[in-house]
Structure formats: structure tokens, C-alpha cells
Amino acid sequence: TIRVNDDQMPWQPGDRIADVLLRLGVEPSDVTTALNGEFVPRA
């Protein structure tokens, strides 16, 4: 599993941040992301 904000969700082999945002139905241009506390630029 991975944790997204306060929710646990299944991890899938090959997952990238963009894949997780897609599964969440989040518009990538509307959000900022950090992975393990480190900012990740949209690009």
C-alpha cells in the first residue's frame, strides 16, 4: 500500500505519481504534490 494524504490505497507495480492522481480522479494541473515530504514538480 501507499498513503495518499490520510488514506491508504493499494500500490500497483510500476505506479508513478501521475498514475495515482489519475486513479484518484484529480486534475493534475489543480494540485501540488510531495512524495515523502519532498516537493515533486508537475513535469
PDB file of all heavy atoms in Angstrom:
ATOM      1  N   THR A   1       0.835  -1.194   0.000  1.00  0.00           N
ATOM      2  CA  THR A   1       0.000   0.000   0.000  1.00  0.00           C
ATOM      3  C   THR A   1       0.873   1.248   0.000  1.00  0.00           C
ATOM      4  O   THR A   1       2.058   1.212   0.318  1.00  0.00           O
ATOM      5  CB  THR A   1      -0.927   0.058   1.233  1.00  0.00           C
ATOM      6  OG1 THR A   1      -0.139   0.100   2.417  1.00  0.00           O
ATOM      7  CG2 THR A   1      -1.878  -1.121   1.268  1.00  0.00           C
ATOM      8  N   ILE A   2       0.239   2.336  -0.389  1.00  0.00           N
ATOM      9  CA  ILE A   2       0.818   3.665  -0.270  1.00  0.00           C
ATOM     10  C   ILE A   2      -0.179   4.499   0.523  1.00  0.00           C
ATOM     11  O   ILE A   2      -1.321   4.095   0.709  1.00  0.00           O
ATOM     12  CB  ILE A   2       1.086   4.305  -1.654  1.00  0.00           C
ATOM     13  CG1 ILE A   2      -0.207   4.375  -2.479  1.00  0.00           C
ATOM     14  CG2 ILE A   2       2.185   3.557  -2.383  1.00  0.00           C
ATOM     15  CD1 ILE A   2      -0.068   5.110  -3.800  1.00  0.00           C
ATOM     16  N   ARG A   3       0.264   5.636   0.996  1.00  0.00           N
ATOM     17  CA  ARG A   3      -0.637   6.534   1.708  1.00  0.00           C
ATOM     18  C   ARG A   3      -0.739   7.812   0.886  1.00  0.00           C
ATOM     19  O   ARG A   3       0.275   8.393   0.487  1.00  0.00           O
ATOM     20  CB  ARG A   3      -0.112   6.835   3.106  1.00  0.00           C
ATOM     21  CG  ARG A   3      -1.055   7.710   3.904  1.00  0.00           C
ATOM     22  CD  ARG A   3      -0.748   7.700   5.381  1.00  0.00           C
ATOM     23  NE  ARG A   3      -0.976   6.416   5.995  1.00  0.00           N
ATOM     24  CZ  ARG A   3      -2.165   5.942   6.376  1.00  0.00           C
ATOM     25  NH1 ARG A   3      -3.242   6.649   6.160  1.00  0.00           N
ATOM     26  NH2 ARG A   3      -2.261   4.772   6.951  1.00  0.00           N
ATOM     27  N   VAL A   4      -1.969   8.220   0.629  1.00  0.00           N
ATOM     28  CA  VAL A   4      -2.231   9.470  -0.085  1.00  0.00           C
ATOM     29  C   VAL A   4      -3.005  10.348   0.886  1.00  0.00           C
ATOM     30  O   VAL A   4      -4.126  10.013   1.279  1.00  0.00           O
ATOM     31  CB  VAL A   4      -3.033   9.243  -1.384  1.00  0.00           C
ATOM     32  CG1 VAL A   4      -3.290  10.567  -2.077  1.00  0.00           C
ATOM     33  CG2 VAL A   4      -2.296   8.282  -2.302  1.00  0.00           C
ATOM     34  N   ASN A   5      -2.348  11.447   1.285  1.00  0.00           N
ATOM     35  CA  ASN A   5      -2.858  12.291   2.355  1.00  0.00           C
ATOM     36  C   ASN A   5      -3.119  11.389   3.560  1.00  0.00           C
ATOM     37  O   ASN A   5      -2.186  10.778   4.050  1.00  0.00           O
ATOM     38  CB  ASN A   5      -4.062  13.114   1.898  1.00  0.00           C
ATOM     39  CG  ASN A   5      -3.665  14.113   0.810  1.00  0.00           C
ATOM     40  OD1 ASN A   5      -2.512  14.462   0.652  1.00  0.00           O
ATOM     41  ND2 ASN A   5      -4.630  14.545   0.037  1.00  0.00           N
ATOM     42  N   ASP A   6      -4.321  11.254   4.027  1.00  0.00           N
ATOM     43  CA  ASP A   6      -4.573  10.410   5.202  1.00  0.00           C
ATOM     44  C   ASP A   6      -5.183   9.061   4.846  1.00  0.00           C
ATOM     45  O   ASP A   6      -5.609   8.332   5.728  1.00  0.00           O
ATOM     46  CB  ASP A   6      -5.506  11.147   6.175  1.00  0.00           C
ATOM     47  CG  ASP A   6      -4.815  12.340   6.821  1.00  0.00           C
ATOM     48  OD1 ASP A   6      -3.597  12.252   7.076  1.00  0.00           O
ATOM     49  OD2 ASP A   6      -5.484  13.350   7.072  1.00  0.00           O
ATOM     50  N   ASP A   7      -5.230   8.734   3.567  1.00  0.00           N
ATOM     51  CA  ASP A   7      -5.881   7.499   3.137  1.00  0.00           C
ATOM     52  C   ASP A   7      -4.868   6.493   2.605  1.00  0.00           C
ATOM     53  O   ASP A   7      -3.959   6.841   1.852  1.00  0.00           O
ATOM     54  CB  ASP A   7      -6.913   7.793   2.045  1.00  0.00           C
ATOM     55  CG  ASP A   7      -8.019   8.699   2.532  1.00  0.00           C
ATOM     56  OD1 ASP A   7      -8.487   8.517   3.660  1.00  0.00           O
ATOM     57  OD2 ASP A   7      -8.410   9.601   1.764  1.00  0.00           O
ATOM     58  N   GLN A   8      -5.076   5.258   2.981  1.00  0.00           N
ATOM     59  CA  GLN A   8      -4.248   4.175   2.466  1.00  0.00           C
ATOM     60  C   GLN A   8      -4.896   3.654   1.189  1.00  0.00           C
ATOM     61  O   GLN A   8      -6.115   3.565   1.095  1.00  0.00           O
ATOM     62  CB  GLN A   8      -4.191   3.072   3.520  1.00  0.00           C
ATOM     63  CG  GLN A   8      -3.006   2.191   3.432  1.00  0.00           C
ATOM     64  CD  GLN A   8      -2.915   1.281   4.643  1.00  0.00           C
ATOM     65  OE1 GLN A   8      -3.916   0.812   5.144  1.00  0.00           O
ATOM     66  NE2 GLN A   8      -1.705   1.043   5.098  1.00  0.00           N
ATOM     67  N   MET A   9      -4.078   3.348   0.184  1.00  0.00           N
ATOM     68  CA  MET A   9      -4.606   2.786  -1.043  1.00  0.00           C
ATOM     69  C   MET A   9      -3.628   1.754  -1.587  1.00  0.00           C
ATOM     70  O   MET A   9      -2.448   1.779  -1.247  1.00  0.00           O
ATOM     71  CB  MET A   9      -4.931   3.876  -2.063  1.00  0.00           C
ATOM     72  CG  MET A   9      -3.767   4.627  -2.631  1.00  0.00           C
ATOM     73  SD  MET A   9      -4.259   5.947  -3.781  1.00  0.00           S
ATOM     74  CE  MET A   9      -4.915   5.029  -5.155  1.00  0.00           C
ATOM     75  N   PRO A  10      -4.115   0.834  -2.413  1.00  0.00           N
ATOM     76  CA  PRO A  10      -3.234  -0.203  -2.951  1.00  0.00           C
ATOM     77  C   PRO A  10      -2.131   0.391  -3.819  1.00  0.00           C
ATOM     78  O   PRO A  10      -2.370   1.327  -4.576  1.00  0.00           O
ATOM     79  CB  PRO A  10      -4.156  -1.063  -3.796  1.00  0.00           C
ATOM     80  CG  PRO A  10      -5.529  -0.730  -3.375  1.00  0.00           C
ATOM     81  CD  PRO A  10      -5.491   0.675  -2.856  1.00  0.00           C
ATOM     82  N   TRP A  11      -0.947  -0.159  -3.675  1.00  0.00           N
ATOM     83  CA  TRP A  11       0.161   0.166  -4.563  1.00  0.00           C
ATOM     84  C   TRP A  11       0.150  -0.850  -5.688  1.00  0.00           C
ATOM     85  O   TRP A  11      -0.104  -2.032  -5.462  1.00  0.00           O
ATOM     86  CB  TRP A  11       1.483   0.080  -3.802  1.00  0.00           C
ATOM     87  CG  TRP A  11       2.683   0.175  -4.682  1.00  0.00           C
ATOM     88  CD1 TRP A  11       3.231   1.311  -5.190  1.00  0.00           C
ATOM     89  CD2 TRP A  11       3.503  -0.899  -5.160  1.00  0.00           C
ATOM     90  NE1 TRP A  11       4.329   1.013  -5.954  1.00  0.00           N
ATOM     91  CE2 TRP A  11       4.513  -0.350  -5.951  1.00  0.00           C
ATOM     92  CE3 TRP A  11       3.459  -2.284  -5.001  1.00  0.00           C
ATOM     93  CZ2 TRP A  11       5.479  -1.119  -6.578  1.00  0.00           C
ATOM     94  CZ3 TRP A  11       4.425  -3.056  -5.625  1.00  0.00           C
ATOM     95  CH2 TRP A  11       5.429  -2.470  -6.400  1.00  0.00           C
ATOM     96  N   GLN A  12       0.400  -0.372  -6.901  1.00  0.00           N
ATOM     97  CA  GLN A  12       0.471  -1.261  -8.047  1.00  0.00           C
ATOM     98  C   GLN A  12       1.861  -1.160  -8.648  1.00  0.00           C
ATOM     99  O   GLN A  12       2.394  -0.053  -8.801  1.00  0.00           O
ATOM    100  CB  GLN A  12      -0.595  -0.878  -9.081  1.00  0.00           C
ATOM    101  CG  GLN A  12      -1.993  -1.031  -8.544  1.00  0.00           C
ATOM    102  CD  GLN A  12      -3.058  -0.584  -9.535  1.00  0.00           C
ATOM    103  OE1 GLN A  12      -2.783  -0.292 -10.684  1.00  0.00           O
ATOM    104  NE2 GLN A  12      -4.286  -0.541  -9.074  1.00  0.00           N
ATOM    105  N   PRO A  13       2.475  -2.292  -8.978  1.00  0.00           N
ATOM    106  CA  PRO A  13       3.808  -2.251  -9.580  1.00  0.00           C
ATOM    107  C   PRO A  13       3.837  -1.307 -10.777  1.00  0.00           C
ATOM    108  O   PRO A  13       2.938  -1.308 -11.612  1.00  0.00           O
ATOM    109  CB  PRO A  13       4.051  -3.697 -10.011  1.00  0.00           C
ATOM    110  CG  PRO A  13       3.205  -4.500  -9.076  1.00  0.00           C
ATOM    111  CD  PRO A  13       1.973  -3.665  -8.848  1.00  0.00           C
ATOM    112  N   GLY A  14       4.861  -0.486 -10.831  1.00  0.00           N
ATOM    113  CA  GLY A  14       5.001   0.464 -11.930  1.00  0.00           C
ATOM    114  C   GLY A  14       4.309   1.790 -11.685  1.00  0.00           C
ATOM    115  O   GLY A  14       4.386   2.679 -12.530  1.00  0.00           O
ATOM    116  N   ASP A  15       3.624   1.935 -10.538  1.00  0.00           N
ATOM    117  CA  ASP A  15       2.944   3.198 -10.237  1.00  0.00           C
ATOM    118  C   ASP A  15       3.891   4.384 -10.290  1.00  0.00           C
ATOM    119  O   ASP A  15       5.002   4.337  -9.760  1.00  0.00           O
ATOM    120  CB  ASP A  15       2.336   3.169  -8.826  1.00  0.00           C
ATOM    121  CG  ASP A  15       0.879   2.766  -8.801  1.00  0.00           C
ATOM    122  OD1 ASP A  15       0.255   2.689  -9.874  1.00  0.00           O
ATOM    123  OD2 ASP A  15       0.365   2.534  -7.688  1.00  0.00           O
ATOM    124  N   ARG A  16       3.430   5.431 -10.923  1.00  0.00           N
ATOM    125  CA  ARG A  16       4.082   6.740 -10.907  1.00  0.00           C
ATOM    126  C   ARG A  16       3.091   7.697 -10.261  1.00  0.00           C
ATOM    127  O   ARG A  16       1.899   7.401 -10.165  1.00  0.00           O
ATOM    128  CB  ARG A  16       4.393   7.224 -12.329  1.00  0.00           C
ATOM    129  CG  ARG A  16       5.210   6.265 -13.175  1.00  0.00           C
ATOM    130  CD  ARG A  16       6.674   6.393 -12.837  1.00  0.00           C
ATOM    131  NE  ARG A  16       7.531   5.640 -13.734  1.00  0.00           N
ATOM    132  CZ  ARG A  16       8.029   4.437 -13.450  1.00  0.00           C
ATOM    133  NH1 ARG A  16       7.713   3.846 -12.332  1.00  0.00           N
ATOM    134  NH2 ARG A  16       8.842   3.835 -14.290  1.00  0.00           N
ATOM    135  N   ILE A  17       3.551   8.839  -9.844  1.00  0.00           N
ATOM    136  CA  ILE A  17       2.653   9.811  -9.212  1.00  0.00           C
ATOM    137  C   ILE A  17       1.487  10.130 -10.138  1.00  0.00           C
ATOM    138  O   ILE A  17       0.335  10.189  -9.700  1.00  0.00           O
ATOM    139  CB  ILE A  17       3.410  11.091  -8.808  1.00  0.00           C
ATOM    140  CG1 ILE A  17       4.373  10.771  -7.658  1.00  0.00           C
ATOM    141  CG2 ILE A  17       2.432  12.198  -8.407  1.00  0.00           C
ATOM    142  CD1 ILE A  17       5.269  11.928  -7.258  1.00  0.00           C
ATOM    143  N   ALA A  18       1.745  10.314 -11.413  1.00  0.00           N
ATOM    144  CA  ALA A  18       0.678  10.632 -12.369  1.00  0.00           C
ATOM    145  C   ALA A  18      -0.391   9.541 -12.406  1.00  0.00           C
ATOM    146  O   ALA A  18      -1.582   9.838 -12.526  1.00  0.00           O
ATOM    147  CB  ALA A  18       1.266  10.844 -13.761  1.00  0.00           C
ATOM    148  N   ASP A  19       0.018   8.277 -12.273  1.00  0.00           N
ATOM    149  CA  ASP A  19      -0.945   7.164 -12.270  1.00  0.00           C
ATOM    150  C   ASP A  19      -1.871   7.249 -11.069  1.00  0.00           C
ATOM    151  O   ASP A  19      -3.076   7.019 -11.178  1.00  0.00           O
ATOM    152  CB  ASP A  19      -0.221   5.814 -12.237  1.00  0.00           C
ATOM    153  CG  ASP A  19       0.717   5.628 -13.407  1.00  0.00           C
ATOM    154  OD1 ASP A  19       0.354   6.018 -14.536  1.00  0.00           O
ATOM    155  OD2 ASP A  19       1.823   5.103 -13.184  1.00  0.00           O
ATOM    156  N   VAL A  20      -1.298   7.566  -9.925  1.00  0.00           N
ATOM    157  CA  VAL A  20      -2.093   7.658  -8.701  1.00  0.00           C
ATOM    158  C   VAL A  20      -3.079   8.816  -8.804  1.00  0.00           C
ATOM    159  O   VAL A  20      -4.255   8.682  -8.441  1.00  0.00           O
ATOM    160  CB  VAL A  20      -1.178   7.789  -7.462  1.00  0.00           C
ATOM    161  CG1 VAL A  20      -1.991   8.037  -6.200  1.00  0.00           C
ATOM    162  CG2 VAL A  20      -0.324   6.534  -7.305  1.00  0.00           C
ATOM    163  N   LEU A  21      -2.637   9.954  -9.318  1.00  0.00           N
ATOM    164  CA  LEU A  21      -3.547  11.094  -9.486  1.00  0.00           C
ATOM    165  C   LEU A  21      -4.690  10.729 -10.421  1.00  0.00           C
ATOM    166  O   LEU A  21      -5.847  11.091 -10.162  1.00  0.00           O
ATOM    167  CB  LEU A  21      -2.792  12.314 -10.019  1.00  0.00           C
ATOM    168  CG  LEU A  21      -1.744  12.925  -9.090  1.00  0.00           C
ATOM    169  CD1 LEU A  21      -1.025  14.066  -9.795  1.00  0.00           C
ATOM    170  CD2 LEU A  21      -2.354  13.382  -7.780  1.00  0.00           C
ATOM    171  N   LEU A  22      -4.394  10.004 -11.472  1.00  0.00           N
ATOM    172  CA  LEU A  22      -5.423   9.568 -12.412  1.00  0.00           C
ATOM    173  C   LEU A  22      -6.448   8.680 -11.708  1.00  0.00           C
ATOM    174  O   LEU A  22      -7.657   8.865 -11.867  1.00  0.00           O
ATOM    175  CB  LEU A  22      -4.787   8.841 -13.592  1.00  0.00           C
ATOM    176  CG  LEU A  22      -5.725   8.364 -14.685  1.00  0.00           C
ATOM    177  CD1 LEU A  22      -6.365   9.562 -15.391  1.00  0.00           C
ATOM    178  CD2 LEU A  22      -4.963   7.508 -15.684  1.00  0.00           C
ATOM    179  N   ARG A  23      -5.988   7.708 -10.925  1.00  0.00           N
ATOM    180  CA  ARG A  23      -6.911   6.828 -10.195  1.00  0.00           C
ATOM    181  C   ARG A  23      -7.757   7.593  -9.189  1.00  0.00           C
ATOM    182  O   ARG A  23      -8.897   7.230  -8.927  1.00  0.00           O
ATOM    183  CB  ARG A  23      -6.142   5.713  -9.470  1.00  0.00           C
ATOM    184  CG  ARG A  23      -5.658   4.642 -10.410  1.00  0.00           C
ATOM    185  CD  ARG A  23      -5.368   3.327  -9.730  1.00  0.00           C
ATOM    186  NE  ARG A  23      -4.530   3.379  -8.577  1.00  0.00           N
ATOM    187  CZ  ARG A  23      -3.199   3.274  -8.569  1.00  0.00           C
ATOM    188  NH1 ARG A  23      -2.549   3.128  -9.700  1.00  0.00           N
ATOM    189  NH2 ARG A  23      -2.543   3.303  -7.443  1.00  0.00           N
ATOM    190  N   LEU A  24      -7.199   8.667  -8.645  1.00  0.00           N
ATOM    191  CA  LEU A  24      -7.949   9.479  -7.682  1.00  0.00           C
ATOM    192  C   LEU A  24      -8.937  10.417  -8.375  1.00  0.00           C
ATOM    193  O   LEU A  24      -9.779  11.023  -7.711  1.00  0.00           O
ATOM    194  CB  LEU A  24      -6.987  10.312  -6.829  1.00  0.00           C
ATOM    195  CG  LEU A  24      -6.111   9.545  -5.859  1.00  0.00           C
ATOM    196  CD1 LEU A  24      -5.057  10.475  -5.275  1.00  0.00           C
ATOM    197  CD2 LEU A  24      -6.960   8.924  -4.757  1.00  0.00           C
ATOM    198  N   GLY A  25      -8.814  10.582  -9.682  1.00  0.00           N
ATOM    199  CA  GLY A  25      -9.684  11.496 -10.406  1.00  0.00           C
ATOM    200  C   GLY A  25      -9.321  12.952 -10.160  1.00  0.00           C
ATOM    201  O   GLY A  25     -10.158  13.838 -10.278  1.00  0.00           O
ATOM    202  N   VAL A  26      -8.050  13.181  -9.857  1.00  0.00           N
ATOM    203  CA  VAL A  26      -7.562  14.529  -9.556  1.00  0.00           C
ATOM    204  C   VAL A  26      -7.038  15.168 -10.832  1.00  0.00           C
ATOM    205  O   VAL A  26      -6.295  14.532 -11.595  1.00  0.00           O
ATOM    206  CB  VAL A  26      -6.433  14.454  -8.501  1.00  0.00           C
ATOM    207  CG1 VAL A  26      -5.781  15.798  -8.309  1.00  0.00           C
ATOM    208  CG2 VAL A  26      -6.969  13.920  -7.190  1.00  0.00           C
ATOM    209  N   GLU A  27      -7.414  16.403 -11.065  1.00  0.00           N
ATOM    210  CA  GLU A  27      -6.895  17.153 -12.213  1.00  0.00           C
ATOM    211  C   GLU A  27      -5.461  17.574 -11.876  1.00  0.00           C
ATOM    212  O   GLU A  27      -5.244  18.376 -10.969  1.00  0.00           O
ATOM    213  CB  GLU A  27      -7.770  18.377 -12.484  1.00  0.00           C
ATOM    214  CG  GLU A  27      -7.282  19.233 -13.629  1.00  0.00           C
ATOM    215  CD  GLU A  27      -7.220  18.474 -14.940  1.00  0.00           C
ATOM    216  OE1 GLU A  27      -8.183  17.755 -15.265  1.00  0.00           O
ATOM    217  OE2 GLU A  27      -6.197  18.606 -15.637  1.00  0.00           O
ATOM    218  N   PRO A  28      -4.462  17.018 -12.563  1.00  0.00           N
ATOM    219  CA  PRO A  28      -3.066  17.287 -12.213  1.00  0.00           C
ATOM    220  C   PRO A  28      -2.679  18.759 -12.181  1.00  0.00           C
ATOM    221  O   PRO A  28      -1.844  19.163 -11.379  1.00  0.00           O
ATOM    222  CB  PRO A  28      -2.276  16.548 -13.288  1.00  0.00           C
ATOM    223  CG  PRO A  28      -3.193  15.483 -13.766  1.00  0.00           C
ATOM    224  CD  PRO A  28      -4.579  16.072 -13.668  1.00  0.00           C
ATOM    225  N   SER A  29      -3.284  19.571 -13.030  1.00  0.00           N
ATOM    226  CA  SER A  29      -2.916  20.986 -13.057  1.00  0.00           C
ATOM    227  C   SER A  29      -3.484  21.765 -11.867  1.00  0.00           C
ATOM    228  O   SER A  29      -3.069  22.896 -11.622  1.00  0.00           O
ATOM    229  CB  SER A  29      -3.385  21.629 -14.363  1.00  0.00           C
ATOM    230  OG  SER A  29      -4.796  21.574 -14.459  1.00  0.00           O
ATOM    231  N   ASP A  30      -4.392  21.145 -11.108  1.00  0.00           N
ATOM    232  CA  ASP A  30      -5.019  21.824  -9.976  1.00  0.00           C
ATOM    233  C   ASP A  30      -4.329  21.578  -8.643  1.00  0.00           C
ATOM    234  O   ASP A  30      -4.724  22.168  -7.643  1.00  0.00           O
ATOM    235  CB  ASP A  30      -6.480  21.369  -9.819  1.00  0.00           C
ATOM    236  CG  ASP A  30      -7.375  21.895 -10.931  1.00  0.00           C
ATOM    237  OD1 ASP A  30      -6.946  22.801 -11.678  1.00  0.00           O
ATOM    238  OD2 ASP A  30      -8.505  21.388 -11.044  1.00  0.00           O
ATOM    239  N   VAL A  31      -3.332  20.685  -8.627  1.00  0.00           N
ATOM    240  CA  VAL A  31      -2.757  20.301  -7.343  1.00  0.00           C
ATOM    241  C   VAL A  31      -1.236  20.411  -7.332  1.00  0.00           C
ATOM    242  O   VAL A  31      -0.586  20.464  -8.368  1.00  0.00           O
ATOM    243  CB  VAL A  31      -3.155  18.858  -6.953  1.00  0.00           C
ATOM    244  CG1 VAL A  31      -4.657  18.749  -6.758  1.00  0.00           C
ATOM    245  CG2 VAL A  31      -2.660  17.851  -7.970  1.00  0.00           C
ATOM    246  N   THR A  32      -0.723  20.420  -6.127  1.00  0.00           N
ATOM    247  CA  THR A  32       0.705  20.340  -5.861  1.00  0.00           C
ATOM    248  C   THR A  32       0.946  18.997  -5.192  1.00  0.00           C
ATOM    249  O   THR A  32       0.081  18.494  -4.473  1.00  0.00           O
ATOM    250  CB  THR A  32       1.132  21.497  -4.928  1.00  0.00           C
ATOM    251  OG1 THR A  32       0.854  22.722  -5.596  1.00  0.00           O
ATOM    252  CG2 THR A  32       2.597  21.433  -4.580  1.00  0.00           C
ATOM    253  N   THR A  33       2.114  18.400  -5.426  1.00  0.00           N
ATOM    254  CA  THR A  33       2.394  17.093  -4.858  1.00  0.00           C
ATOM    255  C   THR A  33       3.733  17.082  -4.126  1.00  0.00           C
ATOM    256  O   THR A  33       4.672  17.791  -4.498  1.00  0.00           O
ATOM    257  CB  THR A  33       2.436  16.002  -5.947  1.00  0.00           C
ATOM    258  OG1 THR A  33       3.360  16.376  -6.955  1.00  0.00           O
ATOM    259  CG2 THR A  33       1.065  15.780  -6.563  1.00  0.00           C
ATOM    260  N   ALA A  34       3.781  16.241  -3.100  1.00  0.00           N
ATOM    261  CA  ALA A  34       5.028  15.976  -2.382  1.00  0.00           C
ATOM    262  C   ALA A  34       5.085  14.480  -2.120  1.00  0.00           C
ATOM    263  O   ALA A  34       4.089  13.866  -1.733  1.00  0.00           O
ATOM    264  CB  ALA A  34       5.074  16.750  -1.076  1.00  0.00           C
ATOM    265  N   LEU A  35       6.231  13.894  -2.357  1.00  0.00           N
ATOM    266  CA  LEU A  35       6.435  12.471  -2.125  1.00  0.00           C
ATOM    267  C   LEU A  35       7.396  12.320  -0.954  1.00  0.00           C
ATOM    268  O   LEU A  35       8.527  12.804  -1.009  1.00  0.00           O
ATOM    269  CB  LEU A  35       6.988  11.792  -3.377  1.00  0.00           C
ATOM    270  CG  LEU A  35       7.209  10.289  -3.288  1.00  0.00           C
ATOM    271  CD1 LEU A  35       5.891   9.559  -2.986  1.00  0.00           C
ATOM    272  CD2 LEU A  35       7.822   9.762  -4.568  1.00  0.00           C
ATOM    273  N   ASN A  36       6.905  11.698   0.105  1.00  0.00           N
ATOM    274  CA  ASN A  36       7.696  11.515   1.323  1.00  0.00           C
ATOM    275  C   ASN A  36       8.275  12.845   1.819  1.00  0.00           C
ATOM    276  O   ASN A  36       9.421  12.940   2.238  1.00  0.00           O
ATOM    277  CB  ASN A  36       8.801  10.481   1.109  1.00  0.00           C
ATOM    278  CG  ASN A  36       8.231   9.139   0.728  1.00  0.00           C
ATOM    279  OD1 ASN A  36       7.222   8.702   1.274  1.00  0.00           O
ATOM    280  ND2 ASN A  36       8.850   8.475  -0.229  1.00  0.00           N
ATOM    281  N   GLY A  37       7.444  13.896   1.712  1.00  0.00           N
ATOM    282  CA  GLY A  37       7.819  15.209   2.223  1.00  0.00           C
ATOM    283  C   GLY A  37       8.629  16.075   1.282  1.00  0.00           C
ATOM    284  O   GLY A  37       8.958  17.205   1.618  1.00  0.00           O
ATOM    285  N   GLU A  38       8.934  15.568   0.078  1.00  0.00           N
ATOM    286  CA  GLU A  38       9.721  16.338  -0.891  1.00  0.00           C
ATOM    287  C   GLU A  38       8.835  16.762  -2.060  1.00  0.00           C
ATOM    288  O   GLU A  38       8.200  15.927  -2.695  1.00  0.00           O
ATOM    289  CB  GLU A  38      10.889  15.494  -1.423  1.00  0.00           C
ATOM    290  CG  GLU A  38      11.899  15.105  -0.369  1.00  0.00           C
ATOM    291  CD  GLU A  38      12.689  16.283   0.165  1.00  0.00           C
ATOM    292  OE1 GLU A  38      13.016  17.200  -0.628  1.00  0.00           O
ATOM    293  OE2 GLU A  38      12.960  16.298   1.375  1.00  0.00           O
ATOM    294  N   PHE A  39       8.835  18.070  -2.357  1.00  0.00           N
ATOM    295  CA  PHE A  39       8.060  18.606  -3.469  1.00  0.00           C
ATOM    296  C   PHE A  39       8.423  17.882  -4.767  1.00  0.00           C
ATOM    297  O   PHE A  39       9.599  17.632  -5.039  1.00  0.00           O
ATOM    298  CB  PHE A  39       8.334  20.107  -3.610  1.00  0.00           C
ATOM    299  CG  PHE A  39       7.772  20.723  -4.853  1.00  0.00           C
ATOM    300  CD1 PHE A  39       6.408  20.940  -4.976  1.00  0.00           C
ATOM    301  CD2 PHE A  39       8.599  21.080  -5.902  1.00  0.00           C
ATOM    302  CE1 PHE A  39       5.877  21.508  -6.132  1.00  0.00           C
ATOM    303  CE2 PHE A  39       8.082  21.647  -7.057  1.00  0.00           C
ATOM    304  CZ  PHE A  39       6.718  21.861  -7.166  1.00  0.00           C
ATOM    305  N   VAL A  40       7.397  17.545  -5.573  1.00  0.00           N
ATOM    306  CA  VAL A  40       7.612  16.940  -6.887  1.00  0.00           C
ATOM    307  C   VAL A  40       6.984  17.859  -7.932  1.00  0.00           C
ATOM    308  O   VAL A  40       5.763  18.026  -7.963  1.00  0.00           O
ATOM    309  CB  VAL A  40       6.981  15.527  -6.987  1.00  0.00           C
ATOM    310  CG1 VAL A  40       7.215  14.945  -8.371  1.00  0.00           C
ATOM    311  CG2 VAL A  40       7.532  14.610  -5.913  1.00  0.00           C
ATOM    312  N   PRO A  41       7.800  18.468  -8.791  1.00  0.00           N
ATOM    313  CA  PRO A  41       7.262  19.347  -9.830  1.00  0.00           C
ATOM    314  C   PRO A  41       6.330  18.592 -10.776  1.00  0.00           C
ATOM    315  O   PRO A  41       6.508  17.395 -11.017  1.00  0.00           O
ATOM    316  CB  PRO A  41       8.502  19.823 -10.591  1.00  0.00           C
ATOM    317  CG  PRO A  41       9.647  19.563  -9.675  1.00  0.00           C
ATOM    318  CD  PRO A  41       9.251  18.391  -8.833  1.00  0.00           C
ATOM    319  N   ARG A  42       5.367  19.302 -11.308  1.00  0.00           N
ATOM    320  CA  ARG A  42       4.391  18.717 -12.224  1.00  0.00           C
ATOM    321  C   ARG A  42       5.077  17.966 -13.368  1.00  0.00           C
ATOM    322  O   ARG A  42       4.657  16.877 -13.752  1.00  0.00           O
ATOM    323  CB  ARG A  42       3.500  19.834 -12.777  1.00  0.00           C
ATOM    324  CG  ARG A  42       2.329  19.348 -13.572  1.00  0.00           C
ATOM    325  CD  ARG A  42       1.464  20.481 -14.064  1.00  0.00           C
ATOM    326  NE  ARG A  42       1.014  21.291 -12.939  1.00  0.00           N
ATOM    327  CZ  ARG A  42       0.619  22.549 -13.032  1.00  0.00           C
ATOM    328  NH1 ARG A  42       0.615  23.157 -14.192  1.00  0.00           N
ATOM    329  NH2 ARG A  42       0.231  23.208 -11.972  1.00  0.00           N
ATOM    330  N   ALA A  43       6.154  18.509 -13.902  1.00  0.00           N
ATOM    331  CA  ALA A  43       6.848  17.896 -15.040  1.00  0.00           C
ATOM    332  C   ALA A  43       7.469  16.543 -14.700  1.00  0.00           C
ATOM    333  O   ALA A  43       7.763  15.765 -15.606  1.00  0.00           O
ATOM    334  CB  ALA A  43       7.927  18.841 -15.551  1.00  0.00           C
TER     335      ALA A  43
END
